[in-house]
All heavy atoms as atom14 arrays in JSON, in Angstrom:
{
  "sequence": "RAEFEDLTTVYAKVNMPLGGLYMKLGYSQVDVT",
  "atom14_mask": [
    [1, 1, 1, 1, 1, 1, 1, 1, 1, 1, 1, 0, 0, 0],
    [1, 1, 1, 1, 1, 0, 0, 0, 0, 0, 0, 0, 0, 0],
    [1, 1, 1, 1, 1, 1, 1, 1, 1, 0, 0, 0, 0, 0],
    [1, 1, 1, 1, 1, 1, 1, 1, 1, 1, 1, 0, 0, 0],
    [1, 1, 1, 1, 1, 1, 1, 1, 1, 0, 0, 0, 0, 0],
    [1, 1, 1, 1, 1, 1, 1, 1, 0, 0, 0, 0, 0, 0],
    [1, 1, 1, 1, 1, 1, 1, 1, 0, 0, 0, 0, 0, 0],
    [1, 1, 1, 1, 1, 1, 1, 0, 0, 0, 0, 0, 0, 0],
    [1, 1, 1, 1, 1, 1, 1, 0, 0, 0, 0, 0, 0, 0],
    [1, 1, 1, 1, 1, 1, 1, 0, 0, 0, 0, 0, 0, 0],
    [1, 1, 1, 1, 1, 1, 1, 1, 1, 1, 1, 1, 0, 0],
    [1, 1, 1, 1, 1, 0, 0, 0, 0, 0, 0, 0, 0, 0],
    [1, 1, 1, 1, 1, 1, 1, 1, 1, 0, 0, 0, 0, 0],
    [1, 1, 1, 1, 1, 1, 1, 0, 0, 0, 0, 0, 0, 0],
    [1, 1, 1, 1, 1, 1, 1, 1, 0, 0, 0, 0, 0, 0],
    [1, 1, 1, 1, 1, 1, 1, 1, 0, 0, 0, 0, 0, 0],
    [1, 1, 1, 1, 1, 1, 1, 0, 0, 0, 0, 0, 0, 0],
    [1, 1, 1, 1, 1, 1, 1, 1, 0, 0, 0, 0, 0, 0],
    [1, 1, 1, 1, 0, 0, 0, 0, 0, 0, 0, 0, 0, 0],
    [1, 1, 1, 1, 0, 0, 0, 0, 0, 0, 0, 0, 0, 0],
    [1, 1, 1, 1, 1, 1, 1, 1, 0, 0, 0, 0, 0, 0],
    [1, 1, 1, 1, 1, 1, 1, 1, 1, 1, 1, 1, 0, 0],
    [1, 1, 1, 1, 1, 1, 1, 1, 0, 0, 0, 0, 0, 0],
    [1, 1, 1, 1, 1, 1, 1, 1, 1, 0, 0, 0, 0, 0],
    [1, 1, 1, 1, 1, 1, 1, 1, 0, 0, 0, 0, 0, 0],
    [1, 1, 1, 1, 0, 0, 0, 0, 0, 0, 0, 0, 0, 0],
    [1, 1, 1, 1, 1, 1, 1, 1, 1, 1, 1, 1, 0, 0],
    [1, 1, 1, 1, 1, 1, 0, 0, 0, 0, 0, 0, 0, 0],
    [1, 1, 1, 1, 1, 1, 1, 1, 1, 0, 0, 0, 0, 0],
    [1, 1, 1, 1, 1, 1, 1, 0, 0, 0, 0, 0, 0, 0],
    [1, 1, 1, 1, 1, 1, 1, 1, 0, 0, 0, 0, 0, 0],
    [1, 1, 1, 1, 1, 1, 1, 0, 0, 0, 0, 0, 0, 0],
    [1, 1, 1, 1, 1, 1, 1, 0, 0, 0, 0, 0, 0, 0]
  ],
  "atom14_positions": [
    [[-24.13, -9.31, -16.89], [-24.03, -8.4, -15.74], [-23.46, -7.08, -16.22], [-22.92, -6.99, -17.32], [-23.18, -9.0, -14.62], [-21.69, -8.93, -14.85], [-20.91, -9.42, -13.64], [-19.5, -9.12, -13.74], [-18.59, -9.86, -14.35], [-18.98, -10.99, -14.94], [-17.32, -9.51, -14.38], [0.0, 0.0, 0.0], [0.0, 0.0, 0.0], [0.0, 0.0, 0.0]],
    [[-23.58, -6.07, -15.38], [-23.02, -4.76, -15.71], [-22.04, -4.34, -14.61], [-22.21, -4.7, -13.44], [-24.12, -3.72, -15.85], [0.0, 0.0, 0.0], [0.0, 0.0, 0.0], [0.0, 0.0, 0.0], [0.0, 0.0, 0.0], [0.0, 0.0, 0.0], [0.0, 0.0, 0.0], [0.0, 0.0, 0.0], [0.0, 0.0, 0.0], [0.0, 0.0, 0.0]],
    [[-21.02, -3.61, -15.02], [-20.06, -3.05, -14.08], [-20.07, -1.53, -14.19], [-20.07, -0.97, -15.3], [-18.66, -3.57, -14.36], [-18.49, -5.05, -14.07], [-17.07, -5.54, -14.28], [-16.25, -4.77, -14.84], [-16.78, -6.68, -13.88], [0.0, 0.0, 0.0], [0.0, 0.0, 0.0], [0.0, 0.0, 0.0], [0.0, 0.0, 0.0], [0.0, 0.0, 0.0]],
    [[-20.08, -0.86, -13.04], [-20.06, 0.6, -12.98], [-18.73, 1.03, -12.37], [-18.38, 0.6, -11.27], [-21.23, 1.12, -12.15], [-22.58, 0.73, -12.69], [-23.18, -0.45, -12.31], [-23.23, 1.54, -13.6], [-24.42, -0.82, -12.81], [-24.46, 1.19, -14.11], [-25.06, 0.0, -13.72], [0.0, 0.0, 0.0], [0.0, 0.0, 0.0], [0.0, 0.0, 0.0]],
    [[-18.0, 1.87, -13.08], [-16.65, 2.24, -12.66], [-16.47, 3.75, -12.7], [-17.05, 4.45, -13.51], [-15.64, 1.56, -13.59], [-14.2, 1.67, -13.13], [-13.26, 0.82, -13.98], [-13.74, 0.24, -14.98], [-12.07, 0.75, -13.65], [0.0, 0.0, 0.0], [0.0, 0.0, 0.0], [0.0, 0.0, 0.0], [0.0, 0.0, 0.0], [0.0, 0.0, 0.0]],
    [[-15.6, 4.25, -11.8], [-15.28, 5.68, -11.72], [-16.51, 6.54, -11.49], [-16.71, 7.58, -12.14], [-14.57, 6.15, -13.0], [-13.17, 5.56, -13.13], [-12.59, 5.19, -12.11], [-12.67, 5.47, -14.27], [0.0, 0.0, 0.0], [0.0, 0.0, 0.0], [0.0, 0.0, 0.0], [0.0, 0.0, 0.0], [0.0, 0.0, 0.0], [0.0, 0.0, 0.0]],
    [[-17.35, 6.14, -10.54], [-18.52, 6.96, -10.18], [-18.02, 8.25, -9.53], [-17.39, 8.23, -8.47], [-19.42, 6.19, -9.22], [-20.61, 6.96, -8.63], [-21.5, 7.52, -9.73], [-21.41, 6.06, -7.69], [0.0, 0.0, 0.0], [0.0, 0.0, 0.0], [0.0, 0.0, 0.0], [0.0, 0.0, 0.0], [0.0, 0.0, 0.0], [0.0, 0.0, 0.0]],
    [[-18.29, 9.37, -10.19], [-17.79, 10.68, -9.76], [-18.95, 11.66, -9.67], [-19.76, 11.75, -10.59], [-16.74, 11.22, -10.74], [-15.69, 10.24, -10.89], [-16.14, 12.52, -10.24], [0.0, 0.0, 0.0], [0.0, 0.0, 0.0], [0.0, 0.0, 0.0], [0.0, 0.0, 0.0], [0.0, 0.0, 0.0], [0.0, 0.0, 0.0], [0.0, 0.0, 0.0]],
    [[-19.02, 12.39, -8.55], [-20.07, 13.38, -8.35], [-19.44, 14.73, -8.04], [-18.66, 14.86, -7.1], [-21.01, 12.98, -7.21], [-21.58, 11.7, -7.48], [-22.13, 14.0, -7.05], [0.0, 0.0, 0.0], [0.0, 0.0, 0.0], [0.0, 0.0, 0.0], [0.0, 0.0, 0.0], [0.0, 0.0, 0.0], [0.0, 0.0, 0.0], [0.0, 0.0, 0.0]],
    [[-19.77, 15.72, -8.84], [-19.39, 17.11, -8.57], [-20.61, 17.79, -7.97], [-21.72, 17.68, -8.5], [-18.95, 17.81, -9.86], [-18.61, 19.27, -9.58], [-17.77, 17.09, -10.49], [0.0, 0.0, 0.0], [0.0, 0.0, 0.0], [0.0, 0.0, 0.0], [0.0, 0.0, 0.0], [0.0, 0.0, 0.0], [0.0, 0.0, 0.0], [0.0, 0.0, 0.0]],
    [[-20.43, 18.48, -6.85], [-21.61, 18.95, -6.12], [-21.37, 20.29, -5.44], [-20.25, 20.75, -5.26], [-22.01, 17.92, -5.06], [-20.96, 17.67, -3.99], [-20.89, 18.47, -2.86], [-20.05, 16.63, -4.13], [-19.93, 18.25, -1.89], [-19.09, 16.4, -3.17], [-19.03, 17.21, -2.05], [-18.06, 17.0, -1.09], [0.0, 0.0, 0.0], [0.0, 0.0, 0.0]],
    [[-22.5, 20.88, -5.06], [-22.51, 22.07, -4.21], [-23.18, 21.67, -2.89], [-24.25, 21.06, -2.89], [-23.27, 23.21, -4.86], [0.0, 0.0, 0.0], [0.0, 0.0, 0.0], [0.0, 0.0, 0.0], [0.0, 0.0, 0.0], [0.0, 0.0, 0.0], [0.0, 0.0, 0.0], [0.0, 0.0, 0.0], [0.0, 0.0, 0.0], [0.0, 0.0, 0.0]],
    [[-22.54, 21.99, -1.79], [-23.08, 21.76, -0.45], [-23.52, 23.1, 0.12], [-22.73, 24.04, 0.21], [-22.02, 21.11, 0.43], [-22.38, 20.97, 1.9], [-21.26, 20.27, 2.64], [-21.41, 20.42, 4.15], [-21.05, 21.79, 4.6], [0.0, 0.0, 0.0], [0.0, 0.0, 0.0], [0.0, 0.0, 0.0], [0.0, 0.0, 0.0], [0.0, 0.0, 0.0]],
    [[-24.79, 23.18, 0.48], [-25.37, 24.44, 0.96], [-25.84, 24.26, 2.39], [-26.77, 23.47, 2.67], [-26.56, 24.87, 0.06], [-27.12, 26.2, 0.55], [-26.13, 24.97, -1.4], [0.0, 0.0, 0.0], [0.0, 0.0, 0.0], [0.0, 0.0, 0.0], [0.0, 0.0, 0.0], [0.0, 0.0, 0.0], [0.0, 0.0, 0.0], [0.0, 0.0, 0.0]],
    [[-25.2, 24.96, 3.32], [-25.59, 24.87, 4.73], [-26.92, 25.57, 4.97], [-27.19, 26.64, 4.41], [-24.51, 25.5, 5.62], [-23.19, 24.74, 5.54], [-23.18, 23.53, 5.33], [-22.08, 25.45, 5.72], [0.0, 0.0, 0.0], [0.0, 0.0, 0.0], [0.0, 0.0, 0.0], [0.0, 0.0, 0.0], [0.0, 0.0, 0.0], [0.0, 0.0, 0.0]],
    [[-27.74, 24.94, 5.8], [-29.05, 25.48, 6.13], [-29.01, 26.09, 7.53], [-28.22, 25.66, 8.38], [-30.1, 24.38, 6.03], [-30.16, 23.72, 4.66], [-31.21, 22.24, 4.6], [-32.81, 22.97, 4.9], [0.0, 0.0, 0.0], [0.0, 0.0, 0.0], [0.0, 0.0, 0.0], [0.0, 0.0, 0.0], [0.0, 0.0, 0.0], [0.0, 0.0, 0.0]],
    [[-29.87, 27.07, 7.81], [-29.86, 27.73, 9.12], [-30.57, 26.89, 10.19], [-31.42, 27.39, 10.93], [-30.62, 29.04, 8.85], [-31.56, 28.69, 7.75], [-30.81, 27.72, 6.88], [0.0, 0.0, 0.0], [0.0, 0.0, 0.0], [0.0, 0.0, 0.0], [0.0, 0.0, 0.0], [0.0, 0.0, 0.0], [0.0, 0.0, 0.0], [0.0, 0.0, 0.0]],
    [[-30.22, 25.61, 10.25], [-30.83, 24.69, 11.22], [-29.74, 23.79, 11.79], [-29.64, 22.61, 11.47], [-31.91, 23.84, 10.54], [-33.14, 24.57, 10.0], [-33.99, 23.64, 9.15], [-33.97, 25.14, 11.15], [0.0, 0.0, 0.0], [0.0, 0.0, 0.0], [0.0, 0.0, 0.0], [0.0, 0.0, 0.0], [0.0, 0.0, 0.0], [0.0, 0.0, 0.0]],
    [[-28.89, 24.38, 12.63], [-27.81, 23.6, 13.21], [-26.83, 23.16, 12.15], [-26.35, 23.94, 11.34], [0.0, 0.0, 0.0], [0.0, 0.0, 0.0], [0.0, 0.0, 0.0], [0.0, 0.0, 0.0], [0.0, 0.0, 0.0], [0.0, 0.0, 0.0], [0.0, 0.0, 0.0], [0.0, 0.0, 0.0], [0.0, 0.0, 0.0], [0.0, 0.0, 0.0]],
    [[-26.56, 21.84, 12.09], [-25.58, 21.33, 11.12], [-26.19, 20.78, 9.86], [-25.5, 20.1, 9.08], [0.0, 0.0, 0.0], [0.0, 0.0, 0.0], [0.0, 0.0, 0.0], [0.0, 0.0, 0.0], [0.0, 0.0, 0.0], [0.0, 0.0, 0.0], [0.0, 0.0, 0.0], [0.0, 0.0, 0.0], [0.0, 0.0, 0.0], [0.0, 0.0, 0.0]],
    [[-27.46, 21.05, 9.6], [-28.11, 20.52, 8.4], [-27.57, 21.19, 7.13], [-27.25, 22.37, 7.13], [-29.62, 20.73, 8.47], [-30.39, 19.86, 9.47], [-31.87, 20.24, 9.47], [-30.24, 18.38, 9.15], [0.0, 0.0, 0.0], [0.0, 0.0, 0.0], [0.0, 0.0, 0.0], [0.0, 0.0, 0.0], [0.0, 0.0, 0.0], [0.0, 0.0, 0.0]],
    [[-27.5, 20.41, 6.06], [-27.09, 20.97, 4.77], [-27.82, 20.25, 3.64], [-28.32, 19.14, 3.79], [-25.58, 20.88, 4.58], [-25.01, 19.48, 4.54], [-24.97, 18.74, 3.36], [-24.49, 18.9, 5.69], [-24.44, 17.46, 3.32], [-23.96, 17.62, 5.67], [-23.93, 16.91, 4.49], [-23.4, 15.64, 4.46], [0.0, 0.0, 0.0], [0.0, 0.0, 0.0]],
    [[-27.85, 20.92, 2.5], [-28.44, 20.37, 1.28], [-27.33, 20.17, 0.26], [-26.38, 20.95, 0.19], [-29.51, 21.33, 0.75], [-30.16, 20.91, -0.55], [-31.54, 22.03, -1.0], [-30.65, 23.61, -1.08], [0.0, 0.0, 0.0], [0.0, 0.0, 0.0], [0.0, 0.0, 0.0], [0.0, 0.0, 0.0], [0.0, 0.0, 0.0], [0.0, 0.0, 0.0]],
    [[-27.44, 19.11, -0.52], [-26.43, 18.82, -1.54], [-27.1, 18.71, -2.9], [-28.09, 18.0, -3.07], [-25.69, 17.53, -1.21], [-24.64, 17.14, -2.24], [-23.93, 15.85, -1.87], [-22.87, 16.09, -0.83], [-22.03, 14.88, -0.62], [0.0, 0.0, 0.0], [0.0, 0.0, 0.0], [0.0, 0.0, 0.0], [0.0, 0.0, 0.0], [0.0, 0.0, 0.0]],
    [[-26.56, 19.42, -3.88], [-27.02, 19.36, -5.26], [-25.82, 19.05, -6.14], [-24.78, 19.72, -6.03], [-27.65, 20.69, -5.7], [-28.85, 21.18, -4.88], [-29.23, 22.58, -5.3], [-30.02, 20.24, -5.05], [0.0, 0.0, 0.0], [0.0, 0.0, 0.0], [0.0, 0.0, 0.0], [0.0, 0.0, 0.0], [0.0, 0.0, 0.0], [0.0, 0.0, 0.0]],
    [[-25.94, 18.04, -7.02], [-24.77, 17.67, -7.79], [-25.08, 17.02, -9.13], [-26.24, 16.88, -9.54], [0.0, 0.0, 0.0], [0.0, 0.0, 0.0], [0.0, 0.0, 0.0], [0.0, 0.0, 0.0], [0.0, 0.0, 0.0], [0.0, 0.0, 0.0], [0.0, 0.0, 0.0], [0.0, 0.0, 0.0], [0.0, 0.0, 0.0], [0.0, 0.0, 0.0]],
    [[-24.0, 16.63, -9.79], [-24.07, 15.99, -11.11], [-23.13, 14.78, -11.06], [-21.94, 14.92, -10.78], [-23.63, 16.97, -12.18], [-23.62, 16.42, -13.58], [-24.79, 16.34, -14.34], [-22.43, 15.99, -14.17], [-24.78, 15.85, -15.63], [-22.41, 15.51, -15.47], [-23.59, 15.44, -16.19], [-23.57, 14.95, -17.48], [0.0, 0.0, 0.0], [0.0, 0.0, 0.0]],
    [[-23.67, 13.58, -11.32], [-22.91, 12.35, -11.23], [-22.66, 11.75, -12.61], [-23.52, 11.85, -13.5], [-23.64, 11.32, -10.36], [-23.8, 11.78, -9.04], [0.0, 0.0, 0.0], [0.0, 0.0, 0.0], [0.0, 0.0, 0.0], [0.0, 0.0, 0.0], [0.0, 0.0, 0.0], [0.0, 0.0, 0.0], [0.0, 0.0, 0.0], [0.0, 0.0, 0.0]],
    [[-21.51, 11.12, -12.76], [-21.18, 10.42, -14.0], [-20.47, 9.11, -13.67], [-19.68, 9.04, -12.72], [-20.28, 11.27, -14.9], [-20.02, 10.66, -16.27], [-19.26, 11.6, -17.19], [-18.35, 12.29, -16.75], [-19.64, 11.62, -18.46], [0.0, 0.0, 0.0], [0.0, 0.0, 0.0], [0.0, 0.0, 0.0], [0.0, 0.0, 0.0], [0.0, 0.0, 0.0]],
    [[-20.76, 8.06, -14.46], [-20.17, 6.75, -14.22], [-20.0, 6.02, -15.55], [-20.8, 6.19, -16.46], [-21.05, 5.92, -13.25], [-22.41, 5.61, -13.85], [-20.35, 4.64, -12.8], [0.0, 0.0, 0.0], [0.0, 0.0, 0.0], [0.0, 0.0, 0.0], [0.0, 0.0, 0.0], [0.0, 0.0, 0.0], [0.0, 0.0, 0.0], [0.0, 0.0, 0.0]],
    [[-18.92, 5.24, -15.66], [-18.69, 4.41, -16.85], [-19.39, 3.06, -16.66], [-19.34, 2.48, -15.58], [-17.19, 4.19, -17.07], [-16.45, 5.48, -17.37], [-17.07, 6.38, -17.97], [-15.27, 5.59, -17.0], [0.0, 0.0, 0.0], [0.0, 0.0, 0.0], [0.0, 0.0, 0.0], [0.0, 0.0, 0.0], [0.0, 0.0, 0.0], [0.0, 0.0, 0.0]],
    [[-20.02, 2.58, -17.73], [-20.81, 1.35, -17.67], [-20.27, 0.35, -18.68], [-20.05, 0.68, -19.85], [-22.3, 1.61, -17.96], [-23.11, 0.33, -17.79], [-22.83, 2.72, -17.06], [0.0, 0.0, 0.0], [0.0, 0.0, 0.0], [0.0, 0.0, 0.0], [0.0, 0.0, 0.0], [0.0, 0.0, 0.0], [0.0, 0.0, 0.0], [0.0, 0.0, 0.0]],
    [[-20.04, -0.9, -18.23], [-19.61, -1.98, -19.11], [-20.57, -3.15, -18.97], [-20.84, -3.6, -17.84], [-18.18, -2.45, -18.76], [-17.29, -1.35, -18.84], [-17.72, -3.53, -19.72], [0.0, 0.0, 0.0], [0.0, 0.0, 0.0], [0.0, 0.0, 0.0], [0.0, 0.0, 0.0], [0.0, 0.0, 0.0], [0.0, 0.0, 0.0], [0.0, 0.0, 0.0]]
  ]
}
């Protein structure tokens, strides 16, 4: 089996001109054992 630990995402949240809608773009990293 595998274990994933410390899943961390650094991201930018960009609000769209449609009410409360937003877009998210990011970079994720996780340790695997």
